[in-house]
C-alpha atoms as a PDB file:
ATOM      1  CA  MET A   1     110.842  15.053  85.554  1.00  0.00           C
ATOM      2  CA  ASN A   2     112.769  18.319  85.591  1.00  0.00           C
ATOM      3  CA  GLU A   3     112.553  20.972  82.888  1.00  0.00           C
ATOM      4  CA  LYS A   4     115.983  20.161  81.415  1.00  0.00           C
ATOM      5  CA  THR A   5     115.144  16.470  80.922  1.00  0.00           C
ATOM      6  CA  LYS A   6     111.762  17.351  79.460  1.00  0.00           C
ATOM      7  CA  LYS A   7     113.393  19.778  77.036  1.00  0.00           C
ATOM      8  CA  ILE A   8     115.930  17.159  75.888  1.00  0.00           C
ATOM      9  CA  MET A   9     113.167  14.591  75.371  1.00  0.00           C
ATOM     10  CA  ASN A  10     111.130  17.079  73.327  1.00  0.00           C
ATOM     11  CA  ILE A  11     114.148  17.842  71.141  1.00  0.00           C
ATOM     12  CA  CYS A  12     114.831  14.125  70.565  1.00  0.00           C
ATOM     13  CA  PHE A  13     111.181  13.513  69.746  1.00  0.00           C
ATOM     14  CA  ASN A  14     111.075  16.372  67.255  1.00  0.00           C
ATOM     15  CA  VAL A  15     114.300  15.183  65.583  1.00  0.00           C
ATOM     16  CA  PHE A  16     112.884  11.659  65.266  1.00  0.00           C
ATOM     17  CA  VAL A  17     109.609  12.951  63.854  1.00  0.00           C
ATOM     18  CA  TRP A  18     111.264  15.099  61.212  1.00  0.00           C
ATOM     19  CA  ILE A  19     113.615  12.264  60.204  1.00  0.00           C
ATOM     20  CA  PHE A  20     110.540  10.091  59.749  1.00  0.00           C
ATOM     21  CA  VAL A  21     108.840  12.805  57.709  1.00  0.00           C
ATOM     22  CA  ALA A  22     111.911  13.104  55.470  1.00  0.00           C
ATOM     23  CA  PHE A  23     112.011   9.311  55.054  1.00  0.00           C
ATOM     24  CA  SER A  24     108.302   9.230  54.224  1.00  0.00           C
ATOM     25  CA  VAL A  25     108.700  11.962  51.624  1.00  0.00           C
ATOM     26  CA  ALA A  26     111.607  10.037  50.063  1.00  0.00           C
ATOM     27  CA  MET A  27     109.574   6.803  49.919  1.00  0.00           C
ATOM     28  CA  THR A  28     106.607   8.638  48.435  1.00  0.00           C
ATOM     29  CA  THR A  29     108.876  10.190  45.820  1.00  0.00           C
ATOM     30  CA  LEU A  30     110.265   6.771  44.907  1.00  0.00           C
ATOM     31  CA  ALA A  31     106.760   5.310  44.636  1.00  0.00           C
ATOM     32  CA  LEU A  32     105.646   8.108  42.326  1.00  0.00           C
ATOM     33  CA  ALA A  33     108.874   7.799  40.330  1.00  0.00           C
ATOM     34  CA  ALA A  34     108.213   4.088  39.763  1.00  0.00           C
ATOM     35  CA  GLN A  35     104.775   4.874  38.345  1.00  0.00           C
ATOM     36  CA  SER A  36     106.086   7.497  35.956  1.00  0.00           C
ATOM     37  CA  ASN A  37     109.180   5.546  34.877  1.00  0.00           C
ATOM     38  CA  ALA A  38     108.975   3.778  31.506  1.00  0.00           C
ATOM     39  CA  ASP A  39     110.703   0.698  32.965  1.00  0.00           C
ATOM     40  CA  GLY A  40     108.397   0.628  35.997  1.00  0.00           C
ATOM     41  CA  VAL A  41     111.188   0.940  38.569  1.00  0.00           C
ATOM     42  CA  PRO A  42     111.794   3.677  41.180  1.00  0.00           C
ATOM     43  CA  ALA A  43     114.421   5.985  39.708  1.00  0.00           C
ATOM     44  CA  ILE A  44     115.732   9.404  40.693  1.00  0.00           C
ATOM     45  CA  GLY A  45     118.577  11.329  39.090  1.00  0.00           C
ATOM     46  CA  GLY A  46     119.616   8.493  36.797  1.00  0.00           C
ATOM     47  CA  LYS A  47     119.742   5.969  39.651  1.00  0.00           C
ATOM     48  CA  CYS A  48     117.222   3.225  40.337  1.00  0.00           C
ATOM     49  CA  PHE A  49     116.744   1.183  43.505  1.00  0.00           C
ATOM     50  CA  LEU A  50     116.027  -2.548  43.296  1.00  0.00           C
ATOM     51  CA  THR A  51     115.561  -5.207  45.959  1.00  0.00           C
ATOM     52  CA  VAL A  52     117.377  -8.542  45.634  1.00  0.00           C
ATOM     53  CA  SER A  53     114.836 -11.374  45.872  1.00  0.00           C
ATOM     54  CA  SER A  54     117.169 -14.407  45.889  1.00  0.00           C
ATOM     55  CA  ASP A  55     120.705 -15.525  46.701  1.00  0.00           C
ATOM     56  CA  SER A  56     121.572 -16.442  43.103  1.00  0.00           C
ATOM     57  CA  MET A  57     124.230 -13.694  43.046  1.00  0.00           C
ATOM     58  CA  SER A  58     125.759 -14.508  46.435  1.00  0.00           C
ATOM     59  CA  PRO A  59     128.367 -13.599  47.639  1.00  0.00           C
ATOM     60  CA  THR A  60     128.355 -10.521  45.356  1.00  0.00           C
ATOM     61  CA  PHE A  61     125.085  -9.470  46.963  1.00  0.00           C
ATOM     62  CA  LYS A  62     122.449 -11.326  48.917  1.00  0.00           C
ATOM     63  CA  LYS A  63     118.705 -11.636  49.250  1.00  0.00           C
ATOM     64  CA  GLY A  64     117.233  -8.568  50.922  1.00  0.00           C
ATOM     65  CA  ASP A  65     119.983  -6.195  49.786  1.00  0.00           C
ATOM     66  CA  LEU A  66     119.065  -2.918  48.129  1.00  0.00           C
ATOM     67  CA  LEU A  67     120.945  -2.291  44.880  1.00  0.00           C
ATOM     68  CA  ILE A  68     121.651   1.194  43.570  1.00  0.00           C
ATOM     69  CA  CYS A  69     121.881   0.832  39.797  1.00  0.00           C
ATOM     70  CA  ASP A  70     122.507   3.103  36.818  1.00  0.00           C
ATOM     71  CA  MET A  71     119.599   3.657  34.461  1.00  0.00           C
ATOM     72  CA  LEU A  72     120.430   3.053  30.786  1.00  0.00           C
ATOM     73  CA  SER A  73     119.360   4.782  27.613  1.00  0.00           C
ATOM     74  CA  SER A  74     118.119   2.741  24.644  1.00  0.00           C
ATOM     75  CA  SER A  75     121.523   2.907  22.973  1.00  0.00           C
ATOM     76  CA  GLU A  76     123.383   1.961  26.159  1.00  0.00           C
ATOM     77  CA  LYS A  77     121.224  -1.144  26.650  1.00  0.00           C
ATOM     78  CA  SER A  78     122.705  -2.647  23.498  1.00  0.00           C
ATOM     79  CA  GLU A  79     126.299  -1.805  24.488  1.00  0.00           C
ATOM     80  CA  MET A  80     126.724  -4.046  27.533  1.00  0.00           C
ATOM     81  CA  GLN A  81     129.842  -6.138  27.956  1.00  0.00           C
ATOM     82  CA  VAL A  82     130.574  -9.616  29.285  1.00  0.00           C
ATOM     83  CA  GLY A  83     130.980  -9.309  33.046  1.00  0.00           C
ATOM     84  CA  ASP A  84     128.433  -6.514  33.473  1.00  0.00           C
ATOM     85  CA  VAL A  85     125.734  -7.103  36.089  1.00  0.00           C
ATOM     86  CA  ILE A  86     122.382  -6.092  34.611  1.00  0.00           C
ATOM     87  CA  SER A  87     118.773  -6.080  35.745  1.00  0.00           C
ATOM     88  CA  PHE A  88     116.214  -7.141  33.162  1.00  0.00           C
ATOM     89  CA  TYR A  89     112.658  -8.361  32.763  1.00  0.00           C
ATOM     90  CA  SER A  90     112.265 -12.109  32.475  1.00  0.00           C
ATOM     91  CA  ASP A  91     109.540 -14.701  33.055  1.00  0.00           C
ATOM     92  CA  LEU A  92     111.225 -16.405  35.996  1.00  0.00           C
ATOM     93  CA  ASP A  93     108.290 -18.595  37.053  1.00  0.00           C
ATOM     94  CA  GLY A  94     106.984 -19.523  33.603  1.00  0.00           C
ATOM     95  CA  ASP A  95     103.604 -17.978  34.439  1.00  0.00           C
ATOM     96  CA  GLY A  96     103.636 -15.496  31.585  1.00  0.00           C
ATOM     97  CA  VAL A  97     104.411 -12.547  33.862  1.00  0.00           C
ATOM     98  CA  ASN A  98     107.789 -10.820  33.629  1.00  0.00           C
ATOM     99  CA  GLU A  99     109.719 -10.214  36.841  1.00  0.00           C
ATOM    100  CA  ILE A 100     112.960  -8.333  37.434  1.00  0.00           C
ATOM    101  CA  ASN A 101     116.083 -10.473  37.503  1.00  0.00           C
ATOM    102  CA  THR A 102     119.648  -9.323  38.172  1.00  0.00           C
ATOM    103  CA  HIS A 103     122.509 -11.504  36.870  1.00  0.00           C
ATOM    104  CA  ARG A 104     125.920 -11.191  35.254  1.00  0.00           C
ATOM    105  CA  ILE A 105     126.419 -11.308  31.481  1.00  0.00           C
ATOM    106  CA  VAL A 106     128.431 -14.383  30.487  1.00  0.00           C
ATOM    107  CA  ARG A 107     127.867 -14.346  26.739  1.00  0.00           C
ATOM    108  CA  ILE A 108     126.566 -12.004  24.035  1.00  0.00           C
ATOM    109  CA  ASN A 109     124.566 -13.145  21.007  1.00  0.00           C
ATOM    110  CA  TYR A 110     124.867 -11.201  17.756  1.00  0.00           C
ATOM    111  CA  ASP A 111     122.593 -11.115  14.727  1.00  0.00           C
ATOM    112  CA  SER A 112     123.580 -11.465  11.077  1.00  0.00           C
ATOM    113  CA  LYS A 113     124.650  -7.799  11.020  1.00  0.00           C
ATOM    114  CA  SER A 114     127.008  -8.330  13.982  1.00  0.00           C
ATOM    115  CA  GLU A 115     124.779  -6.229  16.153  1.00  0.00           C
ATOM    116  CA  VAL A 116     123.850  -7.203  19.687  1.00  0.00           C
ATOM    117  CA  GLU A 117     120.712  -9.303  19.740  1.00  0.00           C
ATOM    118  CA  SER A 118     120.566 -10.703  23.268  1.00  0.00           C
ATOM    119  CA  TYR A 119     122.553 -11.401  26.439  1.00  0.00           C
ATOM    120  CA  VAL A 120     123.064 -14.701  28.213  1.00  0.00           C
ATOM    121  CA  THR A 121     123.336 -14.175  31.972  1.00  0.00           C
ATOM    122  CA  LYS A 122     124.094 -16.270  35.017  1.00  0.00           C
ATOM    123  CA  GLY A 123     124.192 -15.807  38.772  1.00  0.00           C
ATOM    124  CA  ASP A 124     127.495 -15.681  40.658  1.00  0.00           C
ATOM    125  CA  ASN A 125     126.425 -18.294  43.228  1.00  0.00           C
ATOM    126  CA  THR A 126     128.540 -21.369  42.452  1.00  0.00           C
ATOM    127  CA  THR A 127     127.373 -23.402  45.461  1.00  0.00           C
ATOM    128  CA  THR A 128     123.872 -23.961  44.050  1.00  0.00           C
ATOM    129  CA  ASN A 129     124.893 -24.691  40.452  1.00  0.00           C
ATOM    130  CA  VAL A 130     122.931 -21.774  39.048  1.00  0.00           C
ATOM    131  CA  ALA A 131     122.231 -22.452  35.393  1.00  0.00           C
ATOM    132  CA  GLU A 132     122.554 -19.920  32.612  1.00  0.00           C
ATOM    133  CA  ASP A 133     119.424 -17.879  31.957  1.00  0.00           C
ATOM    134  CA  SER A 134     117.581 -17.945  28.691  1.00  0.00           C
ATOM    135  CA  PRO A 135     118.894 -15.230  26.355  1.00  0.00           C
ATOM    136  CA  VAL A 136     117.335 -11.856  27.147  1.00  0.00           C
ATOM    137  CA  ARG A 137     116.895  -9.346  24.356  1.00  0.00           C
ATOM    138  CA  TRP A 138     118.669  -6.071  25.012  1.00  0.00           C
ATOM    139  CA  GLN A 139     115.354  -4.191  24.864  1.00  0.00           C
ATOM    140  CA  TYR A 140     114.345  -5.880  28.141  1.00  0.00           C
ATOM    141  CA  VAL A 141     117.397  -4.599  30.001  1.00  0.00           C
ATOM    142  CA  ILE A 142     116.516  -2.064  32.719  1.00  0.00           C
ATOM    143  CA  CYS A 143     119.741  -0.960  34.370  1.00  0.00           C
ATOM    144  CA  ARG A 144     123.329  -1.882  35.172  1.00  0.00           C
ATOM    145  CA  TRP A 145     124.815  -2.470  38.599  1.00  0.00           C
ATOM    146  CA  GLY A 146     128.324  -1.045  38.636  1.00  0.00           C
ATOM    147  CA  GLU A 147     130.461  -0.163  35.649  1.00  0.00           C
ATOM    148  CA  ASN A 148     133.562  -1.495  33.906  1.00  0.00           C
ATOM    149  CA  GLY A 149     133.493  -4.706  35.939  1.00  0.00           C
ATOM    150  CA  GLU A 150     133.297  -2.870  39.283  1.00  0.00           C
ATOM    151  CA  ASP A 151     130.541  -3.482  41.810  1.00  0.00           C
ATOM    152  CA  GLY A 152     127.860  -0.839  42.246  1.00  0.00           C
ATOM    153  CA  GLY A 153     126.170   0.610  45.301  1.00  0.00           C
ATOM    154  CA  ARG A 154     124.544  -1.738  47.761  1.00  0.00           C
ATOM    155  CA  ILE A 155     122.788  -1.350  51.130  1.00  0.00           C
ATOM    156  CA  GLY A 156     122.593  -4.618  52.972  1.00  0.00           C
ATOM    157  CA  GLY A 157     119.397  -5.879  54.542  1.00  0.00           C
ATOM    158  CA  VAL A 158     117.016  -2.996  53.808  1.00  0.00           C
ATOM    159  CA  GLY A 159     115.660  -4.210  50.479  1.00  0.00           C
ATOM    160  CA  GLY A 160     112.982  -6.375  52.056  1.00  0.00           C
ATOM    161  CA  PHE A 161     111.686  -3.454  54.076  1.00  0.00           C
ATOM    162  CA  ILE A 162     111.650  -1.227  50.989  1.00  0.00           C
ATOM    163  CA  SER A 163     109.744  -3.901  49.067  1.00  0.00           C
ATOM    164  CA  PHE A 164     107.188  -4.059  51.876  1.00  0.00           C
ATOM    165  CA  LEU A 165     106.786  -0.278  51.712  1.00  0.00           C
ATOM    166  CA  GLN A 166     106.216  -0.448  47.962  1.00  0.00           C
ATOM    167  CA  ARG A 167     103.171  -2.644  48.493  1.00  0.00           C
ATOM    168  CA  PRO A 168      99.859  -0.846  49.176  1.00  0.00           C
ATOM    169  CA  THR A 169      99.439  -2.400  52.641  1.00  0.00           C
ATOM    170  CA  GLY A 170     102.976  -1.557  53.743  1.00  0.00           C
ATOM    171  CA  PHE A 171     102.775   1.978  52.381  1.00  0.00           C
ATOM    172  CA  LEU A 172      99.477   2.535  54.208  1.00  0.00           C
ATOM    173  CA  LEU A 173     100.659   1.152  57.559  1.00  0.00           C
ATOM    174  CA  VAL A 174     104.163   2.604  57.656  1.00  0.00           C
ATOM    175  CA  ILE A 175     103.803   5.878  55.748  1.00  0.00           C
ATOM    176  CA  VAL A 176     100.215   7.080  55.311  1.00  0.00           C
ATOM    177  CA  LEU A 177      98.791   6.399  58.789  1.00  0.00           C
ATOM    178  CA  PRO A 178     101.776   7.784  60.790  1.00  0.00           C
ATOM    179  CA  LEU A 179     101.951  10.863  58.556  1.00  0.00           C
ATOM    180  CA  THR A 180      98.219  11.431  58.975  1.00  0.00           C
ATOM    181  CA  ALA A 181      98.556  11.162  62.761  1.00  0.00           C
ATOM    182  CA  PHE A 182     101.539  13.518  62.663  1.00  0.00           C
ATOM    183  CA  PHE A 183      99.684  16.220  60.761  1.00  0.00           C
ATOM    184  CA  ILE A 184      96.531  15.858  62.878  1.00  0.00           C
ATOM    185  CA  TYR A 185      98.642  16.233  66.023  1.00  0.00           C
ATOM    186  CA  HIS A 186     100.272  19.413  64.735  1.00  0.00           C
ATOM    187  CA  ILE A 187      96.922  20.821  63.629  1.00  0.00           C
ATOM    188  CA  LEU A 188      95.551  20.273  67.153  1.00  0.00           C
ATOM    189  CA  VAL A 189      98.657  21.884  68.665  1.00  0.00           C
ATOM    190  CA  PHE A 190      98.239  24.858  66.345  1.00  0.00           C
ATOM    191  CA  VAL A 191      94.558  25.236  67.243  1.00  0.00           C
ATOM    192  CA  LYS A 192      95.415  25.050  70.959  1.00  0.00           C
ATOM    193  CA  VAL A 193      98.089  27.736  70.607  1.00  0.00           C
ATOM    194  CA  PHE A 194      95.786  29.895  68.480  1.00  0.00           C
ATOM    195  CA  MET A 195      92.963  29.726  71.027  1.00  0.00           C
ATOM    196  CA  SER A 196      95.412  30.455  73.839  1.00  0.00           C
ATOM    197  CA  VAL A 197      96.636  33.580  72.066  1.00  0.00           C
ATOM    198  CA  LYS A 198      93.117  34.617  71.135  1.00  0.00           C
ATOM    199  CA  ASN A 199      91.856  34.306  74.707  1.00  0.00           C
ATOM    200  CA  GLN A 200      94.949  35.743  76.328  1.00  0.00           C
ATOM    201  CA  GLY A 201      93.830  38.119  79.108  1.00  0.00           C
ATOM    202  CA  LYS A 202      90.235  36.978  78.800  1.00  0.00           C
ATOM    203  CA  ARG A 203      89.594  34.904  81.904  1.00  0.00           C
ATOM    204  CA  LYS A 204      86.176  33.339  82.387  1.00  0.00           C
ATOM    205  CA  ILE A 205      84.185  35.374  84.913  1.00  0.00           C
ATOM    206  CA  THR A 206      82.540  33.387  87.669  1.00  0.00           C
ATOM    207  CA  ALA A 207      79.601  34.438  89.885  1.00  0.00           C
ATOM    208  CA  ALA A 208      82.004  35.297  92.715  1.00  0.00           C
ATOM    209  CA  ASP A 209      84.023  37.454  90.292  1.00  0.00           C
ATOM    210  CA  GLU A 210      80.850  39.280  89.268  1.00  0.00           C
ATOM    211  CA  GLU A 211      79.954  40.052  92.904  1.00  0.00           C
ATOM    212  CA  LEU A 212      83.467  41.311  93.586  1.00  0.00           C
ATOM    213  CA  ILE A 213      83.337  43.536  90.501  1.00  0.00           C
ATOM    214  CA  LYS A 214      79.968  44.951  91.577  1.00  0.00           C
ATOM    215  CA  GLN A 215      81.258  45.599  95.094  1.00  0.00           C
ATOM    216  CA  ARG A 216      84.323  47.379  93.791  1.00  0.00           C
ATOM    217  CA  ALA A 217      82.210  49.415  91.376  1.00  0.00           C
ATOM    218  CA  ILE A 218      79.958  50.535  94.242  1.00  0.00           C
ATOM    219  CA  GLU A 219      82.940  51.387  96.420  1.00  0.00           C
ATOM    220  CA  GLU A 220      84.518  53.394  93.593  1.00  0.00           C
ATOM    221  CA  TYR A 221      81.275  55.233  92.984  1.00  0.00           C
ATOM    222  CA  LEU A 222      80.889  56.136  96.690  1.00  0.00           C
ATOM    223  CA  ARG A 223      84.517  57.249  96.841  1.00  0.00           C
ATOM    224  CA  GLN A 224      84.076  59.543  93.861  1.00  0.00           C
ATOM    225  CA  GLN A 225      80.875  61.012  95.378  1.00  0.00           C
ATOM    226  CA  ALA A 226      82.657  61.655  98.679  1.00  0.00           C
ATOM    227  CA  LEU A 227      85.506  63.423  96.869  1.00  0.00           C
ATOM    228  CA  LYS A 228      83.034  65.543  94.947  1.00  0.00           C
ATOM    229  CA  LYS A 229      81.190  66.547  98.118  1.00  0.00           C
ATOM    230  CA  SER A 230      84.467  67.412  99.831  1.00  0.00           C
ATOM    231  CA  ASP A 231      85.515  69.624  96.912  1.00  0.00           C
ATOM    232  CA  ASP A 232      82.175  71.466  96.953  1.00  0.00           C
ATOM    233  CA  SER A 233      82.367  72.271 100.667  1.00  0.00           C
ATOM    234  CA  SER A 234      85.862  73.741 100.373  1.00  0.00           C
ATOM    235  CA  ASP A 235      85.060  76.017  97.389  1.00  0.00           C
ATOM    236  CA  PRO A 236      85.553  79.718  98.563  1.00  0.00           C
ATOM    237  CA  SER A 237      83.042  81.005  96.048  1.00  0.00           C
ATOM    238  CA  GLN A 238      80.267  79.296  97.935  1.00  0.00           C
ATOM    239  CA  PRO A 239      78.505  81.534 100.625  1.00  0.00           C
ATOM    240  CA  GLU A 240      78.965  80.575 104.210  1.00  0.00           C
ATOM    241  CA  SER A 241      75.842  80.172 106.300  1.00  0.00           C
ATOM    242  CA  GLY A 242      75.238  82.711 109.168  1.00  0.00           C
ATOM    243  CA  ASN A 243      77.298  85.537 107.609  1.00  0.00           C
ATOM    244  CA  ASN A 244      74.670  86.815 105.160  1.00  0.00           C
ATOM    245  CA  LYS A 245      72.498  89.587 106.789  1.00  0.00           C
ATOM    246  CA  SER A 246      70.019  91.830 104.996  1.00  0.00           C
ATOM    247  CA  GLN A 247      70.954  95.511 104.805  1.00  0.00           C
ATOM    248  CA  GLN A 248      68.191  98.076 104.823  1.00  0.00           C
END
């Protein structure tokens, strides 16, 4: 593999990794937002994200779609109109536990003061003879999909995956473990680079290297001694032998 191909593969890998990191951060943010939200749904910036769990609203949207809905204030929850698609808490299975249901308002019930008391909703799927839901009090409304009779945001087919991620097992397998491996990998890379920089120019000395260093040190010492001896013999201030005779 040549250097150019290797470089391209490294760039692609890094892009993929950082896209995954961004996705993981977004999913973590949604999970934390769901815990802090009063309605118990993931919401950011006035928008909440819900997964469709049945085909009761087909063909408007289908099972597995991800709906992008508008969060509602307490006053707005009591101001819905016939035709609005709303998400609300309802005991769908009769087990005493409320689940989120998303259907279209077909009728509004008012109290003796002509104020909204509850909504009657129904799915858009006409092929399965979906019956009207039991009236849901406006206080149990969570959000609205679309506005003024218009459809809202929808991402097809990703809702099931998002639901899996929102479960502890899915979040652990898809988000926590890969992120942990990612950070461990980068820590190891950092340590490797740090040690490389720290030891730069410091090569491990072997026994052969030590002998060579000793030999060169001895040779340098002998060379310096020879130079010193040569300088001493050529110094004119030194007396020359045979030319010094006593005078009487």
